[in-house]
Amino acid sequence: MWPFAPLYPSMGLGVAVVSYNGDAYFGLTADPAVVPDVEAFTQNLRDASADCAALARTS
């Protein structure tokens, strides 16, 4: 799965999410002039996803 969010001239970050067969896939497209730290955003997204998955397992 390769979710893709196109960037238009007025956008700095595109986030696409696809759910398939019980999994969620994220795709990020960033303009480095607007979002120079997309790697940090990606790590925060991974951390938040892991936290949500852990909470779902305890429910």
PDB file of N, CA and C in Angstrom:
ATOM      1  N   MET A   1       0.839  -1.181   0.000  1.00  0.00           N
ATOM      2  CA  MET A   1       0.000   0.000   0.000  1.00  0.00           C
ATOM      3  C   MET A   1       0.881   1.240   0.000  1.00  0.00           C
ATOM      4  N   TRP A   2       0.580   2.156  -0.890  1.00  0.00           N
ATOM      5  CA  TRP A   2       1.309   3.410  -0.963  1.00  0.00           C
ATOM      6  C   TRP A   2       0.316   4.558  -1.060  1.00  0.00           C
ATOM      7  N   PRO A   3      -0.239   5.005   0.082  1.00  0.00           N
ATOM      8  CA  PRO A   3      -1.142   6.153   0.039  1.00  0.00           C
ATOM      9  C   PRO A   3      -0.388   7.397  -0.430  1.00  0.00           C
ATOM     10  N   PHE A   4      -1.033   8.195  -1.222  1.00  0.00           N
ATOM     11  CA  PHE A   4      -0.385   9.388  -1.759  1.00  0.00           C
ATOM     12  C   PHE A   4      -1.329  10.571  -1.661  1.00  0.00           C
ATOM     13  N   ALA A   5      -0.827  11.669  -1.137  1.00  0.00           N
ATOM     14  CA  ALA A   5      -1.590  12.915  -1.067  1.00  0.00           C
ATOM     15  C   ALA A   5      -0.858  13.960  -1.903  1.00  0.00           C
ATOM     16  N   PRO A   6      -1.445  14.382  -3.015  1.00  0.00           N
ATOM     17  CA  PRO A   6      -0.772  15.397  -3.835  1.00  0.00           C
ATOM     18  C   PRO A   6      -0.729  16.739  -3.118  1.00  0.00           C
ATOM     19  N   LEU A   7       0.315  17.493  -3.389  1.00  0.00           N
ATOM     20  CA  LEU A   7       0.432  18.836  -2.830  1.00  0.00           C
ATOM     21  C   LEU A   7       0.039  19.856  -3.891  1.00  0.00           C
ATOM     22  N   TYR A   8      -0.822  20.742  -3.498  1.00  0.00           N
ATOM     23  CA  TYR A   8      -1.201  21.854  -4.362  1.00  0.00           C
ATOM     24  C   TYR A   8      -0.380  23.070  -3.938  1.00  0.00           C
ATOM     25  N   PRO A   9      -0.293  24.102  -4.755  1.00  0.00           N
ATOM     26  CA  PRO A   9       0.593  25.237  -4.452  1.00  0.00           C
ATOM     27  C   PRO A   9       0.389  25.869  -3.074  1.00  0.00           C
ATOM     28  N   SER A  10      -0.811  25.815  -2.541  1.00  0.00           N
ATOM     29  CA  SER A  10      -1.067  26.458  -1.243  1.00  0.00           C
ATOM     30  C   SER A  10      -0.894  25.500  -0.064  1.00  0.00           C
ATOM     31  N   MET A  11      -0.425  24.284  -0.321  1.00  0.00           N
ATOM     32  CA  MET A  11      -0.321  23.281   0.746  1.00  0.00           C
ATOM     33  C   MET A  11       1.130  23.045   1.143  1.00  0.00           C
ATOM     34  N   GLY A  12       1.356  22.781   2.424  1.00  0.00           N
ATOM     35  CA  GLY A  12       2.687  22.459   2.912  1.00  0.00           C
ATOM     36  C   GLY A  12       2.844  20.998   3.284  1.00  0.00           C
ATOM     37  N   LEU A  13       1.710  20.337   3.615  1.00  0.00           N
ATOM     38  CA  LEU A  13       1.766  18.942   4.042  1.00  0.00           C
ATOM     39  C   LEU A  13       0.491  18.244   3.609  1.00  0.00           C
ATOM     40  N   GLY A  14       0.662  17.091   2.991  1.00  0.00           N
ATOM     41  CA  GLY A  14      -0.474  16.248   2.629  1.00  0.00           C
ATOM     42  C   GLY A  14      -0.366  14.941   3.382  1.00  0.00           C
ATOM     43  N   VAL A  15      -1.473  14.496   3.959  1.00  0.00           N
ATOM     44  CA  VAL A  15      -1.499  13.233   4.693  1.00  0.00           C
ATOM     45  C   VAL A  15      -2.592  12.362   4.086  1.00  0.00           C
ATOM     46  N   ALA A  16      -2.212  11.169   3.671  1.00  0.00           N
ATOM     47  CA  ALA A  16      -3.171  10.209   3.138  1.00  0.00           C
ATOM     48  C   ALA A  16      -3.177   8.987   4.051  1.00  0.00           C
ATOM     49  N   VAL A  17      -4.357   8.434   4.287  1.00  0.00           N
ATOM     50  CA  VAL A  17      -4.493   7.243   5.115  1.00  0.00           C
ATOM     51  C   VAL A  17      -5.355   6.242   4.360  1.00  0.00           C
ATOM     52  N   VAL A  18      -4.864   5.018   4.277  1.00  0.00           N
ATOM     53  CA  VAL A  18      -5.614   3.938   3.659  1.00  0.00           C
ATOM     54  C   VAL A  18      -5.692   2.800   4.662  1.00  0.00           C
ATOM     55  N   SER A  19      -6.882   2.279   4.845  1.00  0.00           N
ATOM     56  CA  SER A  19      -7.083   1.120   5.704  1.00  0.00           C
ATOM     57  C   SER A  19      -7.374  -0.078   4.813  1.00  0.00           C
ATOM     58  N   TYR A  20      -6.658  -1.182   5.058  1.00  0.00           N
ATOM     59  CA  TYR A  20      -6.869  -2.385   4.263  1.00  0.00           C
ATOM     60  C   TYR A  20      -6.590  -3.612   5.116  1.00  0.00           C
ATOM     61  N   ASN A  21      -7.550  -4.486   5.159  1.00  0.00           N
ATOM     62  CA  ASN A  21      -7.382  -5.782   5.814  1.00  0.00           C
ATOM     63  C   ASN A  21      -6.898  -5.657   7.265  1.00  0.00           C
ATOM     64  N   GLY A  22      -7.439  -4.692   7.991  1.00  0.00           N
ATOM     65  CA  GLY A  22      -7.098  -4.525   9.401  1.00  0.00           C
ATOM     66  C   GLY A  22      -5.867  -3.687   9.683  1.00  0.00           C
ATOM     67  N   ASP A  23      -5.210  -3.200   8.660  1.00  0.00           N
ATOM     68  CA  ASP A  23      -4.027  -2.360   8.848  1.00  0.00           C
ATOM     69  C   ASP A  23      -4.293  -0.956   8.313  1.00  0.00           C
ATOM     70  N   ALA A  24      -3.581   0.013   8.849  1.00  0.00           N
ATOM     71  CA  ALA A  24      -3.673   1.394   8.370  1.00  0.00           C
ATOM     72  C   ALA A  24      -2.315   1.800   7.811  1.00  0.00           C
ATOM     73  N   TYR A  25      -2.356   2.428   6.648  1.00  0.00           N
ATOM     74  CA  TYR A  25      -1.142   2.874   5.970  1.00  0.00           C
ATOM     75  C   TYR A  25      -1.207   4.381   5.805  1.00  0.00           C
ATOM     76  N   PHE A  26      -0.105   5.053   6.124  1.00  0.00           N
ATOM     77  CA  PHE A  26      -0.032   6.502   6.043  1.00  0.00           C
ATOM     78  C   PHE A  26       0.962   6.900   4.954  1.00  0.00           C
ATOM     79  N   GLY A  27       0.606   7.935   4.226  1.00  0.00           N
ATOM     80  CA  GLY A  27       1.514   8.503   3.246  1.00  0.00           C
ATOM     81  C   GLY A  27       1.627  10.005   3.486  1.00  0.00           C
ATOM     82  N   LEU A  28       2.835  10.515   3.534  1.00  0.00           N
ATOM     83  CA  LEU A  28       3.066  11.933   3.776  1.00  0.00           C
ATOM     84  C   LEU A  28       3.792  12.545   2.589  1.00  0.00           C
ATOM     85  N   THR A  29       3.318  13.693   2.161  1.00  0.00           N
ATOM     86  CA  THR A  29       3.988  14.467   1.123  1.00  0.00           C
ATOM     87  C   THR A  29       4.180  15.859   1.685  1.00  0.00           C
ATOM     88  N   ALA A  30       5.409  16.351   1.691  1.00  0.00           N
ATOM     89  CA  ALA A  30       5.689  17.638   2.324  1.00  0.00           C
ATOM     90  C   ALA A  30       6.509  18.542   1.420  1.00  0.00           C
ATOM     91  N   ASP A  31       6.235  19.826   1.527  1.00  0.00           N
ATOM     92  CA  ASP A  31       7.062  20.852   0.901  1.00  0.00           C
ATOM     93  C   ASP A  31       8.127  21.221   1.928  1.00  0.00           C
ATOM     94  N   PRO A  32       9.395  20.904   1.691  1.00  0.00           N
ATOM     95  CA  PRO A  32      10.428  21.157   2.697  1.00  0.00           C
ATOM     96  C   PRO A  32      10.609  22.628   3.048  1.00  0.00           C
ATOM     97  N   ALA A  33      10.170  23.518   2.180  1.00  0.00           N
ATOM     98  CA  ALA A  33      10.252  24.940   2.513  1.00  0.00           C
ATOM     99  C   ALA A  33       9.234  25.320   3.581  1.00  0.00           C
ATOM    100  N   VAL A  34       8.153  24.561   3.666  1.00  0.00           N
ATOM    101  CA  VAL A  34       7.087  24.851   4.630  1.00  0.00           C
ATOM    102  C   VAL A  34       7.186  23.928   5.842  1.00  0.00           C
ATOM    103  N   VAL A  35       7.527  22.661   5.609  1.00  0.00           N
ATOM    104  CA  VAL A  35       7.616  21.660   6.674  1.00  0.00           C
ATOM    105  C   VAL A  35       9.015  21.029   6.621  1.00  0.00           C
ATOM    106  N   PRO A  36      10.013  21.712   7.166  1.00  0.00           N
ATOM    107  CA  PRO A  36      11.389  21.203   7.071  1.00  0.00           C
ATOM    108  C   PRO A  36      11.658  19.987   7.957  1.00  0.00           C
ATOM    109  N   ASP A  37      10.773  19.730   8.917  1.00  0.00           N
ATOM    110  CA  ASP A  37      10.997  18.639   9.869  1.00  0.00           C
ATOM    111  C   ASP A  37       9.958  17.530   9.715  1.00  0.00           C
ATOM    112  N   VAL A  38       9.660  17.136   8.476  1.00  0.00           N
ATOM    113  CA  VAL A  38       8.643  16.107   8.256  1.00  0.00           C
ATOM    114  C   VAL A  38       9.043  14.785   8.917  1.00  0.00           C
ATOM    115  N   GLU A  39      10.335  14.532   9.079  1.00  0.00           N
ATOM    116  CA  GLU A  39      10.772  13.315   9.757  1.00  0.00           C
ATOM    117  C   GLU A  39      10.314  13.309  11.215  1.00  0.00           C
ATOM    118  N   ALA A  40      10.381  14.461  11.877  1.00  0.00           N
ATOM    119  CA  ALA A  40       9.899  14.554  13.259  1.00  0.00           C
ATOM    120  C   ALA A  40       8.390  14.339  13.312  1.00  0.00           C
ATOM    121  N   PHE A  41       7.653  14.904  12.355  1.00  0.00           N
ATOM    122  CA  PHE A  41       6.210  14.692  12.292  1.00  0.00           C
ATOM    123  C   PHE A  41       5.904  13.206  12.088  1.00  0.00           C
ATOM    124  N   THR A  42       6.680  12.567  11.210  1.00  0.00           N
ATOM    125  CA  THR A  42       6.492  11.145  10.953  1.00  0.00           C
ATOM    126  C   THR A  42       6.712  10.328  12.222  1.00  0.00           C
ATOM    127  N   GLN A  43       7.748  10.650  12.974  1.00  0.00           N
ATOM    128  CA  GLN A  43       8.012   9.921  14.219  1.00  0.00           C
ATOM    129  C   GLN A  43       6.886  10.136  15.218  1.00  0.00           C
ATOM    130  N   ASN A  44       6.384  11.355  15.314  1.00  0.00           N
ATOM    131  CA  ASN A  44       5.261  11.626  16.214  1.00  0.00           C
ATOM    132  C   ASN A  44       4.027  10.835  15.795  1.00  0.00           C
ATOM    133  N   LEU A  45       3.798  10.713  14.494  1.00  0.00           N
ATOM    134  CA  LEU A  45       2.674   9.929  13.992  1.00  0.00           C
ATOM    135  C   LEU A  45       2.849   8.453  14.339  1.00  0.00           C
ATOM    136  N   ARG A  46       4.051   7.935  14.184  1.00  0.00           N
ATOM    137  CA  ARG A  46       4.319   6.535  14.563  1.00  0.00           C
ATOM    138  C   ARG A  46       4.075   6.314  16.049  1.00  0.00           C
ATOM    139  N   ASP A  47       4.570   7.239  16.874  1.00  0.00           N
ATOM    140  CA  ASP A  47       4.395   7.118  18.325  1.00  0.00           C
ATOM    141  C   ASP A  47       2.912   7.144  18.699  1.00  0.00           C
ATOM    142  N   ALA A  48       2.169   8.069  18.111  1.00  0.00           N
ATOM    143  CA  ALA A  48       0.737   8.177  18.409  1.00  0.00           C
ATOM    144  C   ALA A  48      -0.014   6.928  17.944  1.00  0.00           C
ATOM    145  N   SER A  49       0.368   6.393  16.794  1.00  0.00           N
ATOM    146  CA  SER A  49      -0.272   5.172  16.289  1.00  0.00           C
ATOM    147  C   SER A  49      -0.005   3.996  17.226  1.00  0.00           C
ATOM    148  N   ALA A  50       1.220   3.893  17.710  1.00  0.00           N
ATOM    149  CA  ALA A  50       1.567   2.820  18.647  1.00  0.00           C
ATOM    150  C   ALA A  50       0.787   2.969  19.949  1.00  0.00           C
ATOM    151  N   ASP A  51       0.628   4.197  20.425  1.00  0.00           N
ATOM    152  CA  ASP A  51      -0.150   4.434  21.645  1.00  0.00           C
ATOM    153  C   ASP A  51      -1.608   4.025  21.441  1.00  0.00           C
ATOM    154  N   CYS A  52      -2.177   4.376  20.291  1.00  0.00           N
ATOM    155  CA  CYS A  52      -3.570   4.017  20.004  1.00  0.00           C
ATOM    156  C   CYS A  52      -3.733   2.505  19.903  1.00  0.00           C
ATOM    157  N   ALA A  53      -2.789   1.832  19.262  1.00  0.00           N
ATOM    158  CA  ALA A  53      -2.859   0.381  19.134  1.00  0.00           C
ATOM    159  C   ALA A  53      -2.763  -0.289  20.505  1.00  0.00           C
ATOM    160  N   ALA A  54      -1.895   0.244  21.372  1.00  0.00           N
ATOM    161  CA  ALA A  54      -1.770  -0.313  22.723  1.00  0.00           C
ATOM    162  C   ALA A  54      -3.058  -0.136  23.511  1.00  0.00           C
ATOM    163  N   LEU A  55      -3.685   1.020  23.372  1.00  0.00           N
ATOM    164  CA  LEU A  55      -4.961   1.252  24.053  1.00  0.00           C
ATOM    165  C   LEU A  55      -6.050   0.328  23.524  1.00  0.00           C
ATOM    166  N   ALA A  56      -6.062   0.100  22.232  1.00  0.00           N
ATOM    167  CA  ALA A  56      -7.073  -0.784  21.636  1.00  0.00           C
ATOM    168  C   ALA A  56      -6.894  -2.221  22.125  1.00  0.00           C
ATOM    169  N   ARG A  57      -5.652  -2.644  22.321  1.00  0.00           N
ATOM    170  CA  ARG A  57      -5.409  -4.001  22.799  1.00  0.00           C
ATOM    171  C   ARG A  57      -5.878  -4.199  24.238  1.00  0.00           C
ATOM    172  N   THR A  58      -5.906  -3.140  25.044  1.00  0.00           N
ATOM    173  CA  THR A  58      -6.304  -3.265  26.446  1.00  0.00           C
ATOM    174  C   THR A  58      -7.811  -3.134  26.644  1.00  0.00           C
ATOM    175  N   SER A  59      -8.512  -2.767  25.606  1.00  0.00           N
ATOM    176  CA  SER A  59      -9.973  -2.589  25.725  1.00  0.00           C
ATOM    177  C   SER A  59     -10.696  -3.904  25.603  1.00  0.00           C
TER     178      SER A  59
END
